[in-house]
Structures are given as structure tokens and as C-alpha cells.
Full PDB file with SEQRES, HELIX, SHEET, SSBOND, CRYST1, ORIGX, SCALE, CONECT and MASTER records, all heavy atoms in Angstrom:
SEQRES   1 A   35  ILE PHE TYR LYS GLU PRO SER GLU ALA PRO GLU LEU PHE          
SEQRES   2 A   35  THR LEU THR LEU LEU ALA ASP PRO GLU GLU GLY GLY THR          
SEQRES   3 A   35  PRO ILE GLY GLY GLY GLU TYR GLU ALA                          
HELIX    1 AA1 GLU A   22  GLY A   24  5                                   3    
SHEET    1 AA1 2 LEU A  12  LEU A  15  0                                        
SHEET    2 AA1 2 GLY A  31  GLU A  34 -1                                        
CRYST1    1.000    1.000    1.000  90.00  90.00  90.00 P 1           1          
ORIGX1      1.000000  0.000000  0.000000        0.00000                         
ORIGX2      0.000000  1.000000  0.000000        0.00000                         
ORIGX3      0.000000  0.000000  1.000000        0.00000                         
SCALE1      1.000000  0.000000  0.000000        0.00000                         
SCALE2      0.000000  1.000000  0.000000        0.00000                         
SCALE3      0.000000  0.000000  1.000000        0.00000                         
ATOM      1  N   ILE A   1      -0.894 -44.355   0.804  1.00  0.00           N  
ATOM      2  CA  ILE A   1      -0.897 -43.358   1.880  1.00  0.00           C  
ATOM      3  C   ILE A   1      -0.764 -41.989   1.227  1.00  0.00           C  
ATOM      4  O   ILE A   1       0.153 -41.763   0.439  1.00  0.00           O  
ATOM      5  CB  ILE A   1       0.263 -43.581   2.870  1.00  0.00           C  
ATOM      6  CG1 ILE A   1       0.160 -44.965   3.508  1.00  0.00           C  
ATOM      7  CG2 ILE A   1       0.259 -42.502   3.951  1.00  0.00           C  
ATOM      8  CD1 ILE A   1       1.306 -45.288   4.442  1.00  0.00           C  
ATOM      9  N   PHE A   2      -1.702 -41.101   1.549  1.00  0.00           N  
ATOM     10  CA  PHE A   2      -1.684 -39.769   0.947  1.00  0.00           C  
ATOM     11  C   PHE A   2      -1.126 -38.771   1.955  1.00  0.00           C  
ATOM     12  O   PHE A   2      -1.569 -38.700   3.092  1.00  0.00           O  
ATOM     13  CB  PHE A   2      -3.096 -39.355   0.517  1.00  0.00           C  
ATOM     14  CG  PHE A   2      -3.650 -40.216  -0.574  1.00  0.00           C  
ATOM     15  CD1 PHE A   2      -4.400 -41.342  -0.270  1.00  0.00           C  
ATOM     16  CD2 PHE A   2      -3.400 -39.915  -1.902  1.00  0.00           C  
ATOM     17  CE1 PHE A   2      -4.893 -42.153  -1.271  1.00  0.00           C  
ATOM     18  CE2 PHE A   2      -3.905 -40.724  -2.914  1.00  0.00           C  
ATOM     19  CZ  PHE A   2      -4.647 -41.837  -2.594  1.00  0.00           C  
ATOM     20  N   TYR A   3      -0.155 -37.990   1.537  1.00  0.00           N  
ATOM     21  CA  TYR A   3       0.471 -36.980   2.383  1.00  0.00           C  
ATOM     22  C   TYR A   3       0.133 -35.599   1.843  1.00  0.00           C  
ATOM     23  O   TYR A   3       0.117 -35.387   0.622  1.00  0.00           O  
ATOM     24  CB  TYR A   3       2.001 -37.139   2.381  1.00  0.00           C  
ATOM     25  CG  TYR A   3       2.481 -38.455   2.952  1.00  0.00           C  
ATOM     26  CD1 TYR A   3       2.692 -39.549   2.117  1.00  0.00           C  
ATOM     27  CD2 TYR A   3       2.717 -38.584   4.313  1.00  0.00           C  
ATOM     28  CE1 TYR A   3       3.127 -40.760   2.641  1.00  0.00           C  
ATOM     29  CE2 TYR A   3       3.166 -39.791   4.842  1.00  0.00           C  
ATOM     30  CZ  TYR A   3       3.366 -40.875   4.001  1.00  0.00           C  
ATOM     31  OH  TYR A   3       3.802 -42.063   4.512  1.00  0.00           O  
ATOM     32  N   LYS A   4      -0.119 -34.701   2.769  1.00  0.00           N  
ATOM     33  CA  LYS A   4      -0.376 -33.311   2.387  1.00  0.00           C  
ATOM     34  C   LYS A   4       0.803 -32.458   2.838  1.00  0.00           C  
ATOM     35  O   LYS A   4       1.167 -32.442   4.020  1.00  0.00           O  
ATOM     36  CB  LYS A   4      -1.665 -32.778   3.038  1.00  0.00           C  
ATOM     37  CG  LYS A   4      -1.975 -31.341   2.660  1.00  0.00           C  
ATOM     38  CD  LYS A   4      -3.267 -30.876   3.325  1.00  0.00           C  
ATOM     39  CE  LYS A   4      -3.579 -29.443   2.952  1.00  0.00           C  
ATOM     40  NZ  LYS A   4      -4.835 -28.962   3.610  1.00  0.00           N  
ATOM     41  N   GLU A   5       1.405 -31.794   1.890  1.00  0.00           N  
ATOM     42  CA  GLU A   5       2.532 -30.936   2.235  1.00  0.00           C  
ATOM     43  C   GLU A   5       2.039 -29.801   3.138  1.00  0.00           C  
ATOM     44  O   GLU A   5       0.987 -29.207   2.875  1.00  0.00           O  
ATOM     45  CB  GLU A   5       3.168 -30.335   0.972  1.00  0.00           C  
ATOM     46  CG  GLU A   5       3.882 -31.360   0.101  1.00  0.00           C  
ATOM     47  CD  GLU A   5       5.114 -31.907   0.778  1.00  0.00           C  
ATOM     48  OE1 GLU A   5       5.694 -31.171   1.621  1.00  0.00           O  
ATOM     49  OE2 GLU A   5       5.493 -33.050   0.489  1.00  0.00           O  
ATOM     50  N   PRO A   6       2.750 -29.510   4.221  1.00  0.00           N  
ATOM     51  CA  PRO A   6       2.322 -28.404   5.096  1.00  0.00           C  
ATOM     52  C   PRO A   6       2.343 -27.082   4.348  1.00  0.00           C  
ATOM     53  O   PRO A   6       3.285 -26.789   3.602  1.00  0.00           O  
ATOM     54  CB  PRO A   6       3.375 -28.428   6.222  1.00  0.00           C  
ATOM     55  CG  PRO A   6       4.566 -29.100   5.614  1.00  0.00           C  
ATOM     56  CD  PRO A   6       4.024 -30.113   4.647  1.00  0.00           C  
ATOM     57  N   SER A   7       1.245 -26.325   4.522  1.00  0.00           N  
ATOM     58  CA  SER A   7       1.178 -25.029   3.844  1.00  0.00           C  
ATOM     59  C   SER A   7       2.168 -24.064   4.482  1.00  0.00           C  
ATOM     60  O   SER A   7       2.516 -24.176   5.654  1.00  0.00           O  
ATOM     61  CB  SER A   7      -0.245 -24.453   3.943  1.00  0.00           C  
ATOM     62  OG  SER A   7      -0.599 -24.300   5.296  1.00  0.00           O  
ATOM     63  N   GLU A   8       2.595 -23.100   3.717  1.00  0.00           N  
ATOM     64  CA  GLU A   8       3.551 -22.115   4.210  1.00  0.00           C  
ATOM     65  C   GLU A   8       2.905 -21.265   5.306  1.00  0.00           C  
ATOM     66  O   GLU A   8       1.759 -20.829   5.174  1.00  0.00           O  
ATOM     67  CB  GLU A   8       4.009 -21.216   3.058  1.00  0.00           C  
ATOM     68  CG  GLU A   8       5.058 -20.197   3.456  1.00  0.00           C  
ATOM     69  CD  GLU A   8       5.497 -19.360   2.278  1.00  0.00           C  
ATOM     70  OE1 GLU A   8       5.149 -19.707   1.133  1.00  0.00           O  
ATOM     71  OE2 GLU A   8       6.181 -18.354   2.510  1.00  0.00           O  
ATOM     72  N   ALA A   9       3.606 -21.070   6.403  1.00  0.00           N  
ATOM     73  CA  ALA A   9       3.064 -20.291   7.522  1.00  0.00           C  
ATOM     74  C   ALA A   9       2.766 -18.867   7.056  1.00  0.00           C  
ATOM     75  O   ALA A   9       3.584 -18.241   6.378  1.00  0.00           O  
ATOM     76  CB  ALA A   9       4.065 -20.273   8.673  1.00  0.00           C  
ATOM     77  N   PRO A  10       1.563 -18.343   7.411  1.00  0.00           N  
ATOM     78  CA  PRO A  10       1.214 -16.980   6.968  1.00  0.00           C  
ATOM     79  C   PRO A  10       2.098 -15.939   7.656  1.00  0.00           C  
ATOM     80  O   PRO A  10       2.555 -16.129   8.787  1.00  0.00           O  
ATOM     81  CB  PRO A  10      -0.241 -16.833   7.420  1.00  0.00           C  
ATOM     82  CG  PRO A  10      -0.364 -17.782   8.579  1.00  0.00           C  
ATOM     83  CD  PRO A  10       0.513 -18.946   8.256  1.00  0.00           C  
ATOM     84  N   GLU A  11       2.345 -14.864   6.967  1.00  0.00           N  
ATOM     85  CA  GLU A  11       3.145 -13.782   7.540  1.00  0.00           C  
ATOM     86  C   GLU A  11       2.289 -12.996   8.531  1.00  0.00           C  
ATOM     87  O   GLU A  11       1.149 -12.638   8.227  1.00  0.00           O  
ATOM     88  CB  GLU A  11       3.659 -12.845   6.444  1.00  0.00           C  
ATOM     89  CG  GLU A  11       4.597 -11.770   6.960  1.00  0.00           C  
ATOM     90  CD  GLU A  11       5.198 -10.934   5.861  1.00  0.00           C  
ATOM     91  OE1 GLU A  11       4.788 -11.119   4.688  1.00  0.00           O  
ATOM     92  OE2 GLU A  11       6.086 -10.102   6.158  1.00  0.00           O  
ATOM     93  N   LEU A  12       2.823 -12.788   9.699  1.00  0.00           N  
ATOM     94  CA  LEU A  12       2.106 -12.075  10.744  1.00  0.00           C  
ATOM     95  C   LEU A  12       2.726 -10.705  10.982  1.00  0.00           C  
ATOM     96  O   LEU A  12       3.946 -10.528  10.872  1.00  0.00           O  
ATOM     97  CB  LEU A  12       2.123 -12.883  12.051  1.00  0.00           C  
ATOM     98  CG  LEU A  12       1.504 -14.276  12.013  1.00  0.00           C  
ATOM     99  CD1 LEU A  12       1.641 -14.950  13.361  1.00  0.00           C  
ATOM    100  CD2 LEU A  12       0.041 -14.205  11.584  1.00  0.00           C  
ATOM    101  N   PHE A  13       1.862  -9.753  11.323  1.00  0.00           N  
ATOM    102  CA  PHE A  13       2.303  -8.387  11.615  1.00  0.00           C  
ATOM    103  C   PHE A  13       1.838  -8.010  13.017  1.00  0.00           C  
ATOM    104  O   PHE A  13       0.810  -8.484  13.500  1.00  0.00           O  
ATOM    105  CB  PHE A  13       1.737  -7.416  10.580  1.00  0.00           C  
ATOM    106  CG  PHE A  13       2.156  -7.753   9.170  1.00  0.00           C  
ATOM    107  CD1 PHE A  13       1.340  -8.535   8.368  1.00  0.00           C  
ATOM    108  CD2 PHE A  13       3.372  -7.317   8.679  1.00  0.00           C  
ATOM    109  CE1 PHE A  13       1.730  -8.865   7.071  1.00  0.00           C  
ATOM    110  CE2 PHE A  13       3.772  -7.649   7.390  1.00  0.00           C  
ATOM    111  CZ  PHE A  13       2.947  -8.423   6.583  1.00  0.00           C  
ATOM    112  N   THR A  14       2.624  -7.171  13.675  1.00  0.00           N  
ATOM    113  CA  THR A  14       2.391  -6.842  15.081  1.00  0.00           C  
ATOM    114  C   THR A  14       1.557  -5.573  15.228  1.00  0.00           C  
ATOM    115  O   THR A  14       1.878  -4.541  14.640  1.00  0.00           O  
ATOM    116  CB  THR A  14       3.725  -6.660  15.825  1.00  0.00           C  
ATOM    117  OG1 THR A  14       4.489  -7.864  15.716  1.00  0.00           O  
ATOM    118  CG2 THR A  14       3.480  -6.358  17.296  1.00  0.00           C  
ATOM    119  N   LEU A  15       0.481  -5.681  16.018  1.00  0.00           N  
ATOM    120  CA  LEU A  15      -0.341  -4.537  16.372  1.00  0.00           C  
ATOM    121  C   LEU A  15      -0.045  -4.208  17.833  1.00  0.00           C  
ATOM    122  O   LEU A  15      -0.375  -4.981  18.733  1.00  0.00           O  
ATOM    123  CB  LEU A  15      -1.828  -4.843  16.186  1.00  0.00           C  
ATOM    124  CG  LEU A  15      -2.813  -3.775  16.677  1.00  0.00           C  
ATOM    125  CD1 LEU A  15      -2.606  -2.457  15.930  1.00  0.00           C  
ATOM    126  CD2 LEU A  15      -4.247  -4.250  16.524  1.00  0.00           C  
ATOM    127  N   THR A  16       0.598  -3.064  18.060  1.00  0.00           N  
ATOM    128  CA  THR A  16       0.940  -2.633  19.418  1.00  0.00           C  
ATOM    129  C   THR A  16      -0.009  -1.528  19.848  1.00  0.00           C  
ATOM    130  O   THR A  16      -0.202  -0.554  19.114  1.00  0.00           O  
ATOM    131  CB  THR A  16       2.395  -2.107  19.470  1.00  0.00           C  
ATOM    132  OG1 THR A  16       3.285  -3.141  19.034  1.00  0.00           O  
ATOM    133  CG2 THR A  16       2.769  -1.699  20.889  1.00  0.00           C  
ATOM    134  N   LEU A  17      -0.604  -1.689  21.028  1.00  0.00           N  
ATOM    135  CA  LEU A  17      -1.538  -0.703  21.565  1.00  0.00           C  
ATOM    136  C   LEU A  17      -0.958  -0.114  22.844  1.00  0.00           C  
ATOM    137  O   LEU A  17      -0.535  -0.842  23.739  1.00  0.00           O  
ATOM    138  CB  LEU A  17      -2.899  -1.336  21.843  1.00  0.00           C  
ATOM    139  CG  LEU A  17      -3.602  -1.995  20.649  1.00  0.00           C  
ATOM    140  CD1 LEU A  17      -4.923  -2.611  21.084  1.00  0.00           C  
ATOM    141  CD2 LEU A  17      -3.819  -0.999  19.521  1.00  0.00           C  
ATOM    142  N   LEU A  18      -0.968   1.227  22.939  1.00  0.00           N  
ATOM    143  CA  LEU A  18      -0.426   1.924  24.092  1.00  0.00           C  
ATOM    144  C   LEU A  18      -1.450   2.907  24.640  1.00  0.00           C  
ATOM    145  O   LEU A  18      -2.399   3.288  23.935  1.00  0.00           O  
ATOM    146  CB  LEU A  18       0.853   2.683  23.707  1.00  0.00           C  
ATOM    147  CG  LEU A  18       1.987   1.875  23.075  1.00  0.00           C  
ATOM    148  CD1 LEU A  18       3.112   2.805  22.627  1.00  0.00           C  
ATOM    149  CD2 LEU A  18       2.507   0.828  24.033  1.00  0.00           C  
ATOM    150  N   ALA A  19      -1.253   3.330  25.889  1.00  0.00           N  
ATOM    151  CA  ALA A  19      -2.075   4.378  26.502  1.00  0.00           C  
ATOM    152  C   ALA A  19      -1.151   5.495  26.952  1.00  0.00           C  
ATOM    153  O   ALA A  19      -0.064   5.249  27.480  1.00  0.00           O  
ATOM    154  CB  ALA A  19      -2.850   3.825  27.692  1.00  0.00           C  
ATOM    155  N   ASP A  20      -1.564   6.733  26.721  1.00  0.00           N  
ATOM    156  CA  ASP A  20      -0.781   7.894  27.121  1.00  0.00           C  
ATOM    157  C   ASP A  20      -1.686   8.870  27.873  1.00  0.00           C  
ATOM    158  O   ASP A  20      -2.576   9.457  27.285  1.00  0.00           O  
ATOM    159  CB  ASP A  20      -0.186   8.581  25.887  1.00  0.00           C  
ATOM    160  CG  ASP A  20       0.703   9.766  26.250  1.00  0.00           C  
ATOM    161  OD1 ASP A  20       1.093   9.878  27.434  1.00  0.00           O  
ATOM    162  OD2 ASP A  20       0.991  10.583  25.350  1.00  0.00           O  
ATOM    163  N   PRO A  21      -1.476   9.019  29.215  1.00  0.00           N  
ATOM    164  CA  PRO A  21      -0.472   8.351  30.050  1.00  0.00           C  
ATOM    165  C   PRO A  21      -0.843   6.896  30.322  1.00  0.00           C  
ATOM    166  O   PRO A  21      -2.005   6.511  30.198  1.00  0.00           O  
ATOM    167  CB  PRO A  21      -0.486   9.190  31.324  1.00  0.00           C  
ATOM    168  CG  PRO A  21      -1.881   9.709  31.399  1.00  0.00           C  
ATOM    169  CD  PRO A  21      -2.291   9.989  29.983  1.00  0.00           C  
ATOM    170  N   GLU A  22       0.175   6.095  30.710  1.00  0.00           N  
ATOM    171  CA  GLU A  22      -0.042   4.668  30.918  1.00  0.00           C  
ATOM    172  C   GLU A  22      -1.098   4.398  31.982  1.00  0.00           C  
ATOM    173  O   GLU A  22      -1.873   3.450  31.869  1.00  0.00           O  
ATOM    174  CB  GLU A  22       1.272   3.993  31.323  1.00  0.00           C  
ATOM    175  CG  GLU A  22       2.301   3.932  30.204  1.00  0.00           C  
ATOM    176  CD  GLU A  22       3.529   3.168  30.619  1.00  0.00           C  
ATOM    177  OE1 GLU A  22       3.484   2.529  31.702  1.00  0.00           O  
ATOM    178  OE2 GLU A  22       4.527   3.196  29.882  1.00  0.00           O  
ATOM    179  N   GLU A  23      -1.111   5.248  33.046  1.00  0.00           N  
ATOM    180  CA  GLU A  23      -2.058   5.017  34.133  1.00  0.00           C  
ATOM    181  C   GLU A  23      -3.484   5.416  33.765  1.00  0.00           C  
ATOM    182  O   GLU A  23      -4.422   5.202  34.530  1.00  0.00           O  
ATOM    183  CB  GLU A  23      -1.626   5.777  35.392  1.00  0.00           C  
ATOM    184  CG  GLU A  23      -1.605   7.288  35.240  1.00  0.00           C  
ATOM    185  CD  GLU A  23      -0.292   7.837  34.727  1.00  0.00           C  
ATOM    186  OE1 GLU A  23       0.502   7.064  34.148  1.00  0.00           O  
ATOM    187  OE2 GLU A  23      -0.049   9.045  34.917  1.00  0.00           O  
ATOM    188  N   GLY A  24      -3.663   5.990  32.575  1.00  0.00           N  
ATOM    189  CA  GLY A  24      -4.988   6.450  32.179  1.00  0.00           C  
ATOM    190  C   GLY A  24      -5.939   5.356  31.740  1.00  0.00           C  
ATOM    191  O   GLY A  24      -7.156   5.521  31.823  1.00  0.00           O  
ATOM    192  N   GLY A  25      -5.388   4.232  31.262  1.00  0.00           N  
ATOM    193  CA  GLY A  25      -6.276   3.178  30.794  1.00  0.00           C  
ATOM    194  C   GLY A  25      -5.513   1.991  30.263  1.00  0.00           C  
ATOM    195  O   GLY A  25      -4.279   2.003  30.188  1.00  0.00           O  
ATOM    196  N   THR A  26      -6.263   0.949  29.858  1.00  0.00           N  
ATOM    197  CA  THR A  26      -5.668  -0.287  29.354  1.00  0.00           C  
ATOM    198  C   THR A  26      -6.274  -0.624  27.997  1.00  0.00           C  
ATOM    199  O   THR A  26      -7.471  -0.914  27.908  1.00  0.00           O  
ATOM    200  CB  THR A  26      -5.922  -1.450  30.325  1.00  0.00           C  
ATOM    201  OG1 THR A  26      -5.395  -1.113  31.606  1.00  0.00           O  
ATOM    202  CG2 THR A  26      -5.273  -2.719  29.823  1.00  0.00           C  
ATOM    203  N   PRO A  27      -5.463  -0.594  26.913  1.00  0.00           N  
ATOM    204  CA  PRO A  27      -5.973  -0.992  25.595  1.00  0.00           C  
ATOM    205  C   PRO A  27      -6.010  -2.508  25.467  1.00  0.00           C  
ATOM    206  O   PRO A  27      -5.145  -3.204  25.992  1.00  0.00           O  
ATOM    207  CB  PRO A  27      -4.957  -0.384  24.612  1.00  0.00           C  
ATOM    208  CG  PRO A  27      -3.975   0.389  25.428  1.00  0.00           C  
ATOM    209  CD  PRO A  27      -4.106  -0.061  26.838  1.00  0.00           C  
ATOM    210  N   ILE A  28      -7.002  -3.015  24.747  1.00  0.00           N  
ATOM    211  CA  ILE A  28      -7.174  -4.450  24.544  1.00  0.00           C  
ATOM    212  C   ILE A  28      -7.296  -4.723  23.047  1.00  0.00           C  
ATOM    213  O   ILE A  28      -8.047  -4.046  22.344  1.00  0.00           O  
ATOM    214  CB  ILE A  28      -8.425  -4.963  25.268  1.00  0.00           C  
ATOM    215  CG1 ILE A  28      -8.312  -4.702  26.780  1.00  0.00           C  
ATOM    216  CG2 ILE A  28      -8.641  -6.455  25.009  1.00  0.00           C  
ATOM    217  CD1 ILE A  28      -9.578  -5.023  27.532  1.00  0.00           C  
ATOM    218  N   GLY A  29      -6.557  -5.733  22.574  1.00  0.00           N  
ATOM    219  CA  GLY A  29      -6.651  -6.118  21.163  1.00  0.00           C  
ATOM    220  C   GLY A  29      -5.312  -6.240  20.468  1.00  0.00           C  
ATOM    221  O   GLY A  29      -5.244  -6.687  19.319  1.00  0.00           O  
ATOM    222  N   GLY A  30      -4.229  -5.862  21.119  1.00  0.00           N  
ATOM    223  CA  GLY A  30      -2.918  -5.959  20.501  1.00  0.00           C  
ATOM    224  C   GLY A  30      -2.489  -7.401  20.307  1.00  0.00           C  
ATOM    225  O   GLY A  30      -2.964  -8.311  20.981  1.00  0.00           O  
ATOM    226  N   GLY A  31      -1.565  -7.625  19.358  1.00  0.00           N  
ATOM    227  CA  GLY A  31      -1.079  -8.981  19.099  1.00  0.00           C  
ATOM    228  C   GLY A  31      -0.521  -9.094  17.702  1.00  0.00           C  
ATOM    229  O   GLY A  31      -0.225  -8.085  17.047  1.00  0.00           O  
ATOM    230  N   GLU A  32      -0.374 -10.329  17.224  1.00  0.00           N  
ATOM    231  CA  GLU A  32       0.132 -10.598  15.885  1.00  0.00           C  
ATOM    232  C   GLU A  32      -1.009 -11.104  15.009  1.00  0.00           C  
ATOM    233  O   GLU A  32      -1.745 -12.021  15.404  1.00  0.00           O  
ATOM    234  CB  GLU A  32       1.263 -11.623  15.933  1.00  0.00           C  
ATOM    235  CG  GLU A  32       2.515 -11.107  16.640  1.00  0.00           C  
ATOM    236  CD  GLU A  32       3.658 -12.093  16.551  1.00  0.00           C  
ATOM    237  OE1 GLU A  32       3.390 -13.313  16.434  1.00  0.00           O  
ATOM    238  OE2 GLU A  32       4.824 -11.646  16.590  1.00  0.00           O  
ATOM    239  N   TYR A  33      -1.132 -10.514  13.811  1.00  0.00           N  
ATOM    240  CA  TYR A  33      -2.253 -10.841  12.933  1.00  0.00           C  
ATOM    241  C   TYR A  33      -1.804 -10.893  11.478  1.00  0.00           C  
ATOM    242  O   TYR A  33      -0.832 -10.240  11.086  1.00  0.00           O  
ATOM    243  CB  TYR A  33      -3.368  -9.791  13.070  1.00  0.00           C  
ATOM    244  CG  TYR A  33      -3.914  -9.640  14.465  1.00  0.00           C  
ATOM    245  CD1 TYR A  33      -3.436  -8.637  15.313  1.00  0.00           C  
ATOM    246  CD2 TYR A  33      -4.897 -10.490  14.947  1.00  0.00           C  
ATOM    247  CE1 TYR A  33      -3.938  -8.480  16.601  1.00  0.00           C  
ATOM    248  CE2 TYR A  33      -5.406 -10.349  16.231  1.00  0.00           C  
ATOM    249  CZ  TYR A  33      -4.920  -9.344  17.054  1.00  0.00           C  
ATOM    250  OH  TYR A  33      -5.409  -9.192  18.329  1.00  0.00           O  
ATOM    251  N   GLU A  34      -2.550 -11.667  10.697  1.00  0.00           N  
ATOM    252  CA  GLU A  34      -2.352 -11.648   9.249  1.00  0.00           C  
ATOM    253  C   GLU A  34      -2.922 -10.351   8.677  1.00  0.00           C  
ATOM    254  O   GLU A  34      -3.861  -9.773   9.240  1.00  0.00           O  
ATOM    255  CB  GLU A  34      -3.069 -12.828   8.607  1.00  0.00           C  
ATOM    256  CG  GLU A  34      -2.499 -14.183   8.923  1.00  0.00           C  
ATOM    257  CD  GLU A  34      -3.236 -15.272   8.178  1.00  0.00           C  
ATOM    258  OE1 GLU A  34      -3.295 -15.204   6.925  1.00  0.00           O  
ATOM    259  OE2 GLU A  34      -3.783 -16.181   8.824  1.00  0.00           O  
ATOM    260  N   ALA A  35      -2.378  -9.924   7.575  1.00  0.00           N  
ATOM    261  CA  ALA A  35      -2.908  -8.749   6.899  1.00  0.00           C  
ATOM    262  C   ALA A  35      -4.356  -9.020   6.489  1.00  0.00           C  
ATOM    263  O   ALA A  35      -4.687 -10.107   6.025  1.00  0.00           O  
ATOM    264  CB  ALA A  35      -2.068  -8.412   5.674  1.00  0.00           C  
TER     265      ALA A  35                                                      
MASTER        0    0    0    1    2    0    0    6  264    1    0    3          
END                                                                             
């Protein structure tokens, strides 16, 4: 039986998108991503 060790979870970084003023619009694409 062959076992594969789980790879180390990649480090994720947060992309925060805002609108100024908030009522002016809605940004899309924010989240957590690998470098």
C-alpha cells in the first residue's frame, strides 16, 4: 500500500477591495490567494 504524505498547505494572502463612497459601486475579486 503506497501512501502519499499530504503536501503543506500553501500560504494565502488576503486581497480586500473597497469602494469610496460605499454606495458608489461594488468591487469584485477580493478573497484569499497564493502569492
